[in-house]
All heavy atoms as atom14 arrays in JSON, in Angstrom:
{
  "sequence": "GHATSELDVYGDTFDPSVLSSSTRATRADGFVLTEDGFEQGSTVDVTP",
  "atom14_mask": [
    [1, 1, 1, 1, 0, 0, 0, 0, 0, 0, 0, 0, 0, 0],
    [1, 1, 1, 1, 1, 1, 1, 1, 1, 1, 0, 0, 0, 0],
    [1, 1, 1, 1, 1, 0, 0, 0, 0, 0, 0, 0, 0, 0],
    [1, 1, 1, 1, 1, 1, 1, 0, 0, 0, 0, 0, 0, 0],
    [1, 1, 1, 1, 1, 1, 0, 0, 0, 0, 0, 0, 0, 0],
    [1, 1, 1, 1, 1, 1, 1, 1, 1, 0, 0, 0, 0, 0],
    [1, 1, 1, 1, 1, 1, 1, 1, 0, 0, 0, 0, 0, 0],
    [1, 1, 1, 1, 1, 1, 1, 1, 0, 0, 0, 0, 0, 0],
    [1, 1, 1, 1, 1, 1, 1, 0, 0, 0, 0, 0, 0, 0],
    [1, 1, 1, 1, 1, 1, 1, 1, 1, 1, 1, 1, 0, 0],
    [1, 1, 1, 1, 0, 0, 0, 0, 0, 0, 0, 0, 0, 0],
    [1, 1, 1, 1, 1, 1, 1, 1, 0, 0, 0, 0, 0, 0],
    [1, 1, 1, 1, 1, 1, 1, 0, 0, 0, 0, 0, 0, 0],
    [1, 1, 1, 1, 1, 1, 1, 1, 1, 1, 1, 0, 0, 0],
    [1, 1, 1, 1, 1, 1, 1, 1, 0, 0, 0, 0, 0, 0],
    [1, 1, 1, 1, 1, 1, 1, 0, 0, 0, 0, 0, 0, 0],
    [1, 1, 1, 1, 1, 1, 0, 0, 0, 0, 0, 0, 0, 0],
    [1, 1, 1, 1, 1, 1, 1, 0, 0, 0, 0, 0, 0, 0],
    [1, 1, 1, 1, 1, 1, 1, 1, 0, 0, 0, 0, 0, 0],
    [1, 1, 1, 1, 1, 1, 0, 0, 0, 0, 0, 0, 0, 0],
    [1, 1, 1, 1, 1, 1, 0, 0, 0, 0, 0, 0, 0, 0],
    [1, 1, 1, 1, 1, 1, 0, 0, 0, 0, 0, 0, 0, 0],
    [1, 1, 1, 1, 1, 1, 1, 0, 0, 0, 0, 0, 0, 0],
    [1, 1, 1, 1, 1, 1, 1, 1, 1, 1, 1, 0, 0, 0],
    [1, 1, 1, 1, 1, 0, 0, 0, 0, 0, 0, 0, 0, 0],
    [1, 1, 1, 1, 1, 1, 1, 0, 0, 0, 0, 0, 0, 0],
    [1, 1, 1, 1, 1, 1, 1, 1, 1, 1, 1, 0, 0, 0],
    [1, 1, 1, 1, 1, 0, 0, 0, 0, 0, 0, 0, 0, 0],
    [1, 1, 1, 1, 1, 1, 1, 1, 0, 0, 0, 0, 0, 0],
    [1, 1, 1, 1, 0, 0, 0, 0, 0, 0, 0, 0, 0, 0],
    [1, 1, 1, 1, 1, 1, 1, 1, 1, 1, 1, 0, 0, 0],
    [1, 1, 1, 1, 1, 1, 1, 0, 0, 0, 0, 0, 0, 0],
    [1, 1, 1, 1, 1, 1, 1, 1, 0, 0, 0, 0, 0, 0],
    [1, 1, 1, 1, 1, 1, 1, 0, 0, 0, 0, 0, 0, 0],
    [1, 1, 1, 1, 1, 1, 1, 1, 1, 0, 0, 0, 0, 0],
    [1, 1, 1, 1, 1, 1, 1, 1, 0, 0, 0, 0, 0, 0],
    [1, 1, 1, 1, 0, 0, 0, 0, 0, 0, 0, 0, 0, 0],
    [1, 1, 1, 1, 1, 1, 1, 1, 1, 1, 1, 0, 0, 0],
    [1, 1, 1, 1, 1, 1, 1, 1, 1, 0, 0, 0, 0, 0],
    [1, 1, 1, 1, 1, 1, 1, 1, 1, 0, 0, 0, 0, 0],
    [1, 1, 1, 1, 0, 0, 0, 0, 0, 0, 0, 0, 0, 0],
    [1, 1, 1, 1, 1, 1, 0, 0, 0, 0, 0, 0, 0, 0],
    [1, 1, 1, 1, 1, 1, 1, 0, 0, 0, 0, 0, 0, 0],
    [1, 1, 1, 1, 1, 1, 1, 0, 0, 0, 0, 0, 0, 0],
    [1, 1, 1, 1, 1, 1, 1, 1, 0, 0, 0, 0, 0, 0],
    [1, 1, 1, 1, 1, 1, 1, 0, 0, 0, 0, 0, 0, 0],
    [1, 1, 1, 1, 1, 1, 1, 0, 0, 0, 0, 0, 0, 0],
    [1, 1, 1, 1, 1, 1, 1, 0, 0, 0, 0, 0, 0, 0]
  ],
  "atom14_positions": [
    [[0.82, -1.24, 0.01], [0.01, 0.01, 0.01], [0.87, 1.27, 0.0], [0.39, 2.32, -0.39], [0.0, 0.0, 0.0], [0.0, 0.0, 0.0], [0.0, 0.0, 0.0], [0.0, 0.0, 0.0], [0.0, 0.0, 0.0], [0.0, 0.0, 0.0], [0.0, 0.0, 0.0], [0.0, 0.0, 0.0], [0.0, 0.0, 0.0], [0.0, 0.0, 0.0]],
    [[2.1, 1.1, 0.43], [3.08, 2.2, 0.41], [3.45, 2.56, -1.02], [3.37, 1.74, -1.9], [4.32, 1.79, 1.25], [5.27, 2.89, 1.48], [6.32, 3.2, 0.59], [5.4, 3.77, 2.52], [6.99, 4.2, 1.07], [6.52, 4.53, 2.23], [0.0, 0.0, 0.0], [0.0, 0.0, 0.0], [0.0, 0.0, 0.0], [0.0, 0.0, 0.0]],
    [[3.95, 3.76, -1.18], [4.3, 4.23, -2.54], [5.39, 3.41, -3.2], [5.5, 3.34, -4.43], [4.76, 5.69, -2.45], [0.0, 0.0, 0.0], [0.0, 0.0, 0.0], [0.0, 0.0, 0.0], [0.0, 0.0, 0.0], [0.0, 0.0, 0.0], [0.0, 0.0, 0.0], [0.0, 0.0, 0.0], [0.0, 0.0, 0.0], [0.0, 0.0, 0.0]],
    [[6.15, 2.68, -2.35], [7.29, 1.9, -2.92], [6.84, 0.45, -3.21], [7.65, -0.34, -3.75], [8.45, 1.84, -1.98], [8.0, 1.3, -0.71], [9.02, 3.17, -1.75], [0.0, 0.0, 0.0], [0.0, 0.0, 0.0], [0.0, 0.0, 0.0], [0.0, 0.0, 0.0], [0.0, 0.0, 0.0], [0.0, 0.0, 0.0], [0.0, 0.0, 0.0]],
    [[5.6, 0.09, -2.9], [5.15, -1.25, -3.13], [4.33, -1.41, -4.46], [4.08, -0.39, -5.11], [4.24, -1.75, -1.99], [2.96, -1.15, -2.1], [0.0, 0.0, 0.0], [0.0, 0.0, 0.0], [0.0, 0.0, 0.0], [0.0, 0.0, 0.0], [0.0, 0.0, 0.0], [0.0, 0.0, 0.0], [0.0, 0.0, 0.0], [0.0, 0.0, 0.0]],
    [[3.99, -2.62, -4.82], [3.16, -2.81, -6.02], [1.79, -2.25, -5.91], [1.08, -2.18, -6.94], [3.18, -4.27, -6.46], [2.39, -5.2, -5.49], [3.29, -5.96, -4.56], [4.3, -5.37, -4.1], [2.98, -7.15, -4.26], [0.0, 0.0, 0.0], [0.0, 0.0, 0.0], [0.0, 0.0, 0.0], [0.0, 0.0, 0.0], [0.0, 0.0, 0.0]],
    [[1.37, -1.97, -4.66], [0.04, -1.4, -4.4], [0.23, 0.01, -3.75], [0.42, 0.1, -2.6], [-0.75, -2.27, -3.48], [-2.15, -1.8, -3.05], [-3.08, -1.69, -4.19], [-2.7, -2.67, -1.93], [0.0, 0.0, 0.0], [0.0, 0.0, 0.0], [0.0, 0.0, 0.0], [0.0, 0.0, 0.0], [0.0, 0.0, 0.0], [0.0, 0.0, 0.0]],
    [[0.14, 1.02, -4.57], [0.41, 2.38, -4.06], [-0.95, 3.06, -3.83], [-1.56, 3.65, -4.74], [1.19, 3.15, -5.12], [1.47, 4.62, -4.75], [1.19, 4.95, -3.6], [2.06, 5.38, -5.54], [0.0, 0.0, 0.0], [0.0, 0.0, 0.0], [0.0, 0.0, 0.0], [0.0, 0.0, 0.0], [0.0, 0.0, 0.0], [0.0, 0.0, 0.0]],
    [[-1.39, 2.97, -2.54], [-2.68, 3.58, -2.24], [-2.66, 4.58, -1.09], [-3.58, 5.31, -0.9], [-3.76, 2.48, -1.89], [-4.07, 1.64, -3.08], [-3.32, 1.66, -0.73], [0.0, 0.0, 0.0], [0.0, 0.0, 0.0], [0.0, 0.0, 0.0], [0.0, 0.0, 0.0], [0.0, 0.0, 0.0], [0.0, 0.0, 0.0], [0.0, 0.0, 0.0]],
    [[-1.51, 4.67, -0.37], [-1.49, 5.68, 0.7], [-0.2, 6.45, 0.8], [-0.01, 7.29, 1.72], [-1.8, 5.0, 2.06], [-0.81, 4.0, 2.54], [0.41, 4.38, 3.06], [-1.13, 2.64, 2.58], [1.29, 3.5, 3.58], [-0.22, 1.68, 3.08], [0.99, 2.09, 3.6], [1.89, 1.16, 4.08], [0.0, 0.0, 0.0], [0.0, 0.0, 0.0]],
    [[0.72, 6.38, -0.14], [1.91, 7.16, -0.06], [2.84, 6.77, 1.07], [3.09, 5.59, 1.23], [0.0, 0.0, 0.0], [0.0, 0.0, 0.0], [0.0, 0.0, 0.0], [0.0, 0.0, 0.0], [0.0, 0.0, 0.0], [0.0, 0.0, 0.0], [0.0, 0.0, 0.0], [0.0, 0.0, 0.0], [0.0, 0.0, 0.0], [0.0, 0.0, 0.0]],
    [[3.22, 7.72, 1.91], [4.14, 7.44, 3.05], [3.36, 7.34, 4.36], [3.92, 6.78, 5.31], [5.17, 8.55, 3.15], [6.16, 8.55, 1.93], [6.44, 7.49, 1.44], [6.48, 9.64, 1.55], [0.0, 0.0, 0.0], [0.0, 0.0, 0.0], [0.0, 0.0, 0.0], [0.0, 0.0, 0.0], [0.0, 0.0, 0.0], [0.0, 0.0, 0.0]],
    [[2.21, 7.94, 4.45], [1.42, 7.95, 5.72], [0.27, 6.93, 5.61], [-0.54, 7.01, 4.74], [0.82, 9.34, 6.0], [1.89, 10.28, 6.11], [0.05, 9.31, 7.29], [0.0, 0.0, 0.0], [0.0, 0.0, 0.0], [0.0, 0.0, 0.0], [0.0, 0.0, 0.0], [0.0, 0.0, 0.0], [0.0, 0.0, 0.0], [0.0, 0.0, 0.0]],
    [[0.36, 5.96, 6.5], [-0.59, 4.84, 6.46], [-2.01, 5.39, 6.61], [-2.38, 6.13, 7.54], [-0.32, 3.87, 7.61], [-1.21, 2.67, 7.61], [-1.22, 1.79, 6.54], [-2.0, 2.4, 8.68], [-2.06, 0.68, 6.53], [-2.89, 1.29, 8.72], [-2.87, 0.4, 7.63], [0.0, 0.0, 0.0], [0.0, 0.0, 0.0], [0.0, 0.0, 0.0]],
    [[-2.86, 4.98, 5.65], [-4.31, 5.41, 5.57], [-5.12, 4.17, 5.73], [-5.38, 3.46, 4.78], [-4.61, 6.14, 4.3], [-6.04, 6.68, 4.33], [-6.86, 6.15, 5.09], [-6.27, 7.65, 3.58], [0.0, 0.0, 0.0], [0.0, 0.0, 0.0], [0.0, 0.0, 0.0], [0.0, 0.0, 0.0], [0.0, 0.0, 0.0], [0.0, 0.0, 0.0]],
    [[-5.58, 3.78, 7.01], [-6.31, 2.56, 7.19], [-7.64, 2.54, 6.45], [-8.11, 1.47, 6.03], [-6.48, 2.48, 8.7], [-6.36, 3.86, 9.19], [-5.37, 4.53, 8.22], [0.0, 0.0, 0.0], [0.0, 0.0, 0.0], [0.0, 0.0, 0.0], [0.0, 0.0, 0.0], [0.0, 0.0, 0.0], [0.0, 0.0, 0.0], [0.0, 0.0, 0.0]],
    [[-8.21, 3.67, 6.26], [-9.56, 3.72, 5.53], [-9.38, 3.3, 4.07], [-10.17, 2.42, 3.59], [-10.11, 5.17, 5.59], [-11.33, 5.22, 4.91], [0.0, 0.0, 0.0], [0.0, 0.0, 0.0], [0.0, 0.0, 0.0], [0.0, 0.0, 0.0], [0.0, 0.0, 0.0], [0.0, 0.0, 0.0], [0.0, 0.0, 0.0], [0.0, 0.0, 0.0]],
    [[-8.4, 3.82, 3.42], [-8.2, 3.45, 2.01], [-7.65, 2.0, 1.92], [-8.12, 1.2, 1.16], [-7.16, 4.41, 1.32], [-6.78, 3.89, -0.05], [-7.74, 5.83, 1.24], [0.0, 0.0, 0.0], [0.0, 0.0, 0.0], [0.0, 0.0, 0.0], [0.0, 0.0, 0.0], [0.0, 0.0, 0.0], [0.0, 0.0, 0.0], [0.0, 0.0, 0.0]],
    [[-6.68, 1.67, 2.8], [-6.12, 0.36, 2.78], [-7.2, -0.71, 3.07], [-7.19, -1.81, 2.43], [-5.01, 0.28, 3.8], [-4.04, -0.91, 3.88], [-4.67, -2.13, 4.45], [-3.54, -1.25, 2.46], [0.0, 0.0, 0.0], [0.0, 0.0, 0.0], [0.0, 0.0, 0.0], [0.0, 0.0, 0.0], [0.0, 0.0, 0.0], [0.0, 0.0, 0.0]],
    [[-8.08, -0.45, 3.99], [-9.11, -1.42, 4.35], [-10.04, -1.72, 3.21], [-10.7, -2.75, 3.2], [-9.89, -0.89, 5.52], [-10.75, -1.88, 6.05], [0.0, 0.0, 0.0], [0.0, 0.0, 0.0], [0.0, 0.0, 0.0], [0.0, 0.0, 0.0], [0.0, 0.0, 0.0], [0.0, 0.0, 0.0], [0.0, 0.0, 0.0], [0.0, 0.0, 0.0]],
    [[-10.14, -0.84, 2.22], [-11.04, -1.06, 1.09], [-10.34, -1.79, -0.04], [-10.99, -2.27, -0.97], [-11.49, 0.28, 0.54], [-12.23, 1.01, 1.55], [0.0, 0.0, 0.0], [0.0, 0.0, 0.0], [0.0, 0.0, 0.0], [0.0, 0.0, 0.0], [0.0, 0.0, 0.0], [0.0, 0.0, 0.0], [0.0, 0.0, 0.0], [0.0, 0.0, 0.0]],
    [[-9.03, -1.92, 0.02], [-8.3, -2.54, -1.05], [-8.25, -4.03, -0.94], [-7.61, -4.61, 0.0], [-6.85, -2.01, -1.1], [-6.01, -2.77, -1.95], [0.0, 0.0, 0.0], [0.0, 0.0, 0.0], [0.0, 0.0, 0.0], [0.0, 0.0, 0.0], [0.0, 0.0, 0.0], [0.0, 0.0, 0.0], [0.0, 0.0, 0.0], [0.0, 0.0, 0.0]],
    [[-8.93, -4.76, -1.8], [-8.89, -6.22, -1.76], [-7.48, -6.78, -2.1], [-7.15, -7.9, -1.64], [-9.96, -6.83, -2.71], [-9.74, -6.31, -4.06], [-11.37, -6.48, -2.28], [0.0, 0.0, 0.0], [0.0, 0.0, 0.0], [0.0, 0.0, 0.0], [0.0, 0.0, 0.0], [0.0, 0.0, 0.0], [0.0, 0.0, 0.0], [0.0, 0.0, 0.0]],
    [[-6.68, -6.01, -2.82], [-5.4, -6.47, -3.12], [-4.42, -6.51, -1.88], [-3.43, -7.21, -1.85], [-4.74, -5.67, -4.21], [-3.38, -6.22, -4.7], [-2.87, -5.52, -5.93], [-1.59, -6.03, -6.26], [-0.9, -5.65, -7.38], [-1.46, -4.72, -8.19], [0.28, -6.13, -7.64], [0.0, 0.0, 0.0], [0.0, 0.0, 0.0], [0.0, 0.0, 0.0]],
    [[-4.84, -5.78, -0.91], [-4.01, -5.76, 0.38], [-4.05, -7.14, 1.04], [-3.23, -7.44, 1.85], [-4.59, -4.79, 1.33], [0.0, 0.0, 0.0], [0.0, 0.0, 0.0], [0.0, 0.0, 0.0], [0.0, 0.0, 0.0], [0.0, 0.0, 0.0], [0.0, 0.0, 0.0], [0.0, 0.0, 0.0], [0.0, 0.0, 0.0], [0.0, 0.0, 0.0]],
    [[-4.96, -7.99, 0.61], [-5.01, -9.4, 1.18], [-3.83, -10.2, 0.7], [-3.57, -11.27, 1.17], [-6.3, -10.1, 0.78], [-6.41, -10.16, -0.69], [-7.52, -9.38, 1.31], [0.0, 0.0, 0.0], [0.0, 0.0, 0.0], [0.0, 0.0, 0.0], [0.0, 0.0, 0.0], [0.0, 0.0, 0.0], [0.0, 0.0, 0.0], [0.0, 0.0, 0.0]],
    [[-3.06, -9.7, -0.26], [-1.86, -10.37, -0.76], [-0.7, -10.19, 0.16], [0.44, -10.71, -0.1], [-1.5, -9.91, -2.18], [-2.54, -10.18, -3.22], [-2.8, -11.62, -3.34], [-1.61, -12.4, -3.76], [-1.34, -13.64, -3.44], [-2.2, -14.36, -2.67], [-0.26, -14.24, -3.85], [0.0, 0.0, 0.0], [0.0, 0.0, 0.0], [0.0, 0.0, 0.0]],
    [[-0.87, -9.48, 1.25], [0.18, -9.35, 2.28], [0.48, -10.68, 2.87], [-0.36, -11.53, 2.99], [-0.2, -8.34, 3.3], [0.0, 0.0, 0.0], [0.0, 0.0, 0.0], [0.0, 0.0, 0.0], [0.0, 0.0, 0.0], [0.0, 0.0, 0.0], [0.0, 0.0, 0.0], [0.0, 0.0, 0.0], [0.0, 0.0, 0.0], [0.0, 0.0, 0.0]],
    [[1.75, -10.86, 3.31], [2.14, -12.06, 4.05], [1.87, -11.96, 5.53], [1.86, -12.97, 6.25], [3.65, -12.31, 3.83], [4.01, -12.54, 2.4], [3.36, -13.43, 1.78], [4.84, -11.84, 1.83], [0.0, 0.0, 0.0], [0.0, 0.0, 0.0], [0.0, 0.0, 0.0], [0.0, 0.0, 0.0], [0.0, 0.0, 0.0], [0.0, 0.0, 0.0]],
    [[1.61, -10.74, 5.97], [1.31, -10.54, 7.41], [1.21, -9.09, 7.68], [0.98, -8.29, 6.73], [0.0, 0.0, 0.0], [0.0, 0.0, 0.0], [0.0, 0.0, 0.0], [0.0, 0.0, 0.0], [0.0, 0.0, 0.0], [0.0, 0.0, 0.0], [0.0, 0.0, 0.0], [0.0, 0.0, 0.0], [0.0, 0.0, 0.0], [0.0, 0.0, 0.0]],
    [[1.37, -8.64, 8.94], [1.23, -7.23, 9.24], [2.14, -6.89, 10.44], [2.53, -7.79, 11.18], [-0.23, -6.87, 9.52], [-0.88, -7.73, 10.57], [-0.67, -7.32, 11.94], [-1.64, -8.78, 10.31], [-1.23, -8.1, 12.95], [-2.19, -9.55, 11.28], [-2.01, -9.23, 12.61], [0.0, 0.0, 0.0], [0.0, 0.0, 0.0], [0.0, 0.0, 0.0]],
    [[2.4, -5.61, 10.57], [3.19, -5.1, 11.68], [2.17, -4.32, 12.55], [1.5, -3.42, 12.05], [4.31, -4.2, 11.21], [5.02, -3.53, 12.45], [5.28, -4.9, 10.35], [0.0, 0.0, 0.0], [0.0, 0.0, 0.0], [0.0, 0.0, 0.0], [0.0, 0.0, 0.0], [0.0, 0.0, 0.0], [0.0, 0.0, 0.0], [0.0, 0.0, 0.0]],
    [[2.11, -4.68, 13.83], [1.34, -3.88, 14.75], [2.16, -2.83, 15.37], [3.24, -3.07, 15.97], [0.82, -4.84, 15.89], [-0.51, -5.57, 15.65], [-0.79, -6.44, 16.87], [-1.64, -4.71, 15.35], [0.0, 0.0, 0.0], [0.0, 0.0, 0.0], [0.0, 0.0, 0.0], [0.0, 0.0, 0.0], [0.0, 0.0, 0.0], [0.0, 0.0, 0.0]],
    [[1.75, -1.57, 15.17], [2.56, -0.42, 15.68], [1.66, 0.76, 16.06], [0.58, 0.92, 15.46], [3.58, 0.02, 14.61], [4.32, 1.2, 15.1], [2.91, 0.36, 13.28], [0.0, 0.0, 0.0], [0.0, 0.0, 0.0], [0.0, 0.0, 0.0], [0.0, 0.0, 0.0], [0.0, 0.0, 0.0], [0.0, 0.0, 0.0], [0.0, 0.0, 0.0]],
    [[2.12, 1.53, 17.04], [1.39, 2.75, 17.36], [2.04, 3.97, 16.75], [1.38, 5.02, 16.69], [1.32, 2.88, 18.9], [0.53, 1.84, 19.57], [0.47, 2.07, 21.1], [0.87, 3.17, 21.56], [-0.04, 1.16, 21.78], [0.0, 0.0, 0.0], [0.0, 0.0, 0.0], [0.0, 0.0, 0.0], [0.0, 0.0, 0.0], [0.0, 0.0, 0.0]],
    [[3.29, 3.81, 16.33], [4.01, 4.99, 15.91], [4.52, 4.96, 14.45], [5.25, 5.86, 14.0], [5.25, 5.24, 16.81], [4.81, 5.3, 18.28], [3.9, 6.08, 18.55], [5.36, 4.58, 19.09], [0.0, 0.0, 0.0], [0.0, 0.0, 0.0], [0.0, 0.0, 0.0], [0.0, 0.0, 0.0], [0.0, 0.0, 0.0], [0.0, 0.0, 0.0]],
    [[4.25, 3.89, 13.72], [4.83, 3.67, 12.42], [6.29, 3.15, 12.56], [6.68, 2.67, 13.66], [0.0, 0.0, 0.0], [0.0, 0.0, 0.0], [0.0, 0.0, 0.0], [0.0, 0.0, 0.0], [0.0, 0.0, 0.0], [0.0, 0.0, 0.0], [0.0, 0.0, 0.0], [0.0, 0.0, 0.0], [0.0, 0.0, 0.0], [0.0, 0.0, 0.0]],
    [[7.07, 3.22, 11.52], [8.45, 2.66, 11.57], [9.3, 3.35, 10.54], [8.81, 3.95, 9.56], [8.49, 1.21, 11.49], [7.67, 0.57, 10.4], [8.06, 0.61, 9.04], [6.46, 0.06, 10.75], [7.26, 0.06, 8.04], [5.61, -0.57, 9.71], [6.05, -0.54, 8.35], [0.0, 0.0, 0.0], [0.0, 0.0, 0.0], [0.0, 0.0, 0.0]],
    [[10.63, 3.24, 10.74], [11.57, 3.87, 9.84], [12.22, 2.8, 8.92], [12.43, 1.67, 9.34], [12.64, 4.62, 10.56], [12.14, 5.81, 11.34], [13.28, 6.52, 12.09], [14.43, 6.01, 12.06], [12.98, 7.63, 12.66], [0.0, 0.0, 0.0], [0.0, 0.0, 0.0], [0.0, 0.0, 0.0], [0.0, 0.0, 0.0], [0.0, 0.0, 0.0]],
    [[12.58, 3.2, 7.77], [13.31, 2.3, 6.83], [14.57, 1.84, 7.51], [15.33, 2.6, 8.08], [13.62, 2.96, 5.52], [14.32, 2.13, 4.52], [14.6, 2.84, 3.21], [14.28, 4.03, 3.1], [15.16, 2.16, 2.26], [0.0, 0.0, 0.0], [0.0, 0.0, 0.0], [0.0, 0.0, 0.0], [0.0, 0.0, 0.0], [0.0, 0.0, 0.0]],
    [[14.85, 0.52, 7.45], [16.03, -0.05, 8.01], [15.89, -0.53, 9.43], [16.76, -1.23, 9.97], [0.0, 0.0, 0.0], [0.0, 0.0, 0.0], [0.0, 0.0, 0.0], [0.0, 0.0, 0.0], [0.0, 0.0, 0.0], [0.0, 0.0, 0.0], [0.0, 0.0, 0.0], [0.0, 0.0, 0.0], [0.0, 0.0, 0.0], [0.0, 0.0, 0.0]],
    [[14.81, -0.15, 10.09], [14.55, -0.54, 11.47], [14.05, -2.04, 11.48], [13.53, -2.51, 10.47], [13.57, 0.35, 12.19], [12.28, 0.29, 11.55], [0.0, 0.0, 0.0], [0.0, 0.0, 0.0], [0.0, 0.0, 0.0], [0.0, 0.0, 0.0], [0.0, 0.0, 0.0], [0.0, 0.0, 0.0], [0.0, 0.0, 0.0], [0.0, 0.0, 0.0]],
    [[14.19, -2.71, 12.56], [13.69, -4.06, 12.77], [12.23, -3.97, 13.21], [11.9, -3.22, 14.19], [14.5, -4.85, 13.8], [15.83, -4.98, 13.32], [13.94, -6.23, 13.97], [0.0, 0.0, 0.0], [0.0, 0.0, 0.0], [0.0, 0.0, 0.0], [0.0, 0.0, 0.0], [0.0, 0.0, 0.0], [0.0, 0.0, 0.0], [0.0, 0.0, 0.0]],
    [[11.36, -4.65, 12.51], [9.92, -4.68, 12.91], [9.54, -6.12, 13.13], [10.13, -7.07, 12.64], [9.08, -4.09, 11.75], [9.34, -2.63, 11.62], [9.33, -4.77, 10.45], [0.0, 0.0, 0.0], [0.0, 0.0, 0.0], [0.0, 0.0, 0.0], [0.0, 0.0, 0.0], [0.0, 0.0, 0.0], [0.0, 0.0, 0.0], [0.0, 0.0, 0.0]],
    [[8.51, -6.3, 13.94], [7.97, -7.57, 14.3], [6.74, -7.83, 13.4], [5.75, -7.15, 13.5], [7.5, -7.71, 15.76], [8.75, -7.6, 16.67], [9.8, -8.14, 16.31], [8.64, -6.96, 17.75], [0.0, 0.0, 0.0], [0.0, 0.0, 0.0], [0.0, 0.0, 0.0], [0.0, 0.0, 0.0], [0.0, 0.0, 0.0], [0.0, 0.0, 0.0]],
    [[6.83, -8.88, 12.57], [5.77, -9.19, 11.6], [4.96, -10.38, 12.09], [5.53, -11.4, 12.43], [6.34, -9.52, 10.24], [5.25, -9.86, 9.2], [7.16, -8.32, 9.69], [0.0, 0.0, 0.0], [0.0, 0.0, 0.0], [0.0, 0.0, 0.0], [0.0, 0.0, 0.0], [0.0, 0.0, 0.0], [0.0, 0.0, 0.0], [0.0, 0.0, 0.0]],
    [[3.67, -10.21, 12.19], [2.78, -11.36, 12.43], [2.33, -11.97, 11.15], [1.61, -11.34, 10.44], [1.54, -10.92, 13.26], [1.96, -10.36, 14.49], [0.62, -12.1, 13.49], [0.0, 0.0, 0.0], [0.0, 0.0, 0.0], [0.0, 0.0, 0.0], [0.0, 0.0, 0.0], [0.0, 0.0, 0.0], [0.0, 0.0, 0.0], [0.0, 0.0, 0.0]],
    [[2.82, -13.18, 10.84], [2.4, -13.79, 9.59], [0.9, -14.16, 9.63], [0.41, -14.6, 10.7], [3.29, -15.07, 9.49], [4.4, -14.84, 10.45], [3.82, -13.97, 11.52], [0.0, 0.0, 0.0], [0.0, 0.0, 0.0], [0.0, 0.0, 0.0], [0.0, 0.0, 0.0], [0.0, 0.0, 0.0], [0.0, 0.0, 0.0], [0.0, 0.0, 0.0]]
  ]
}
């Protein structure tokens, strides 16, 4: 859903409303639970 992915629907700021409507978002392998977002290169915990 990020601008750098094959599904560009929210740019750099996560938009749950738009993302939630995208059926292609189901092609994700999992998700990251976060309250603050994350930075490129940081380690994130992915729930498959």
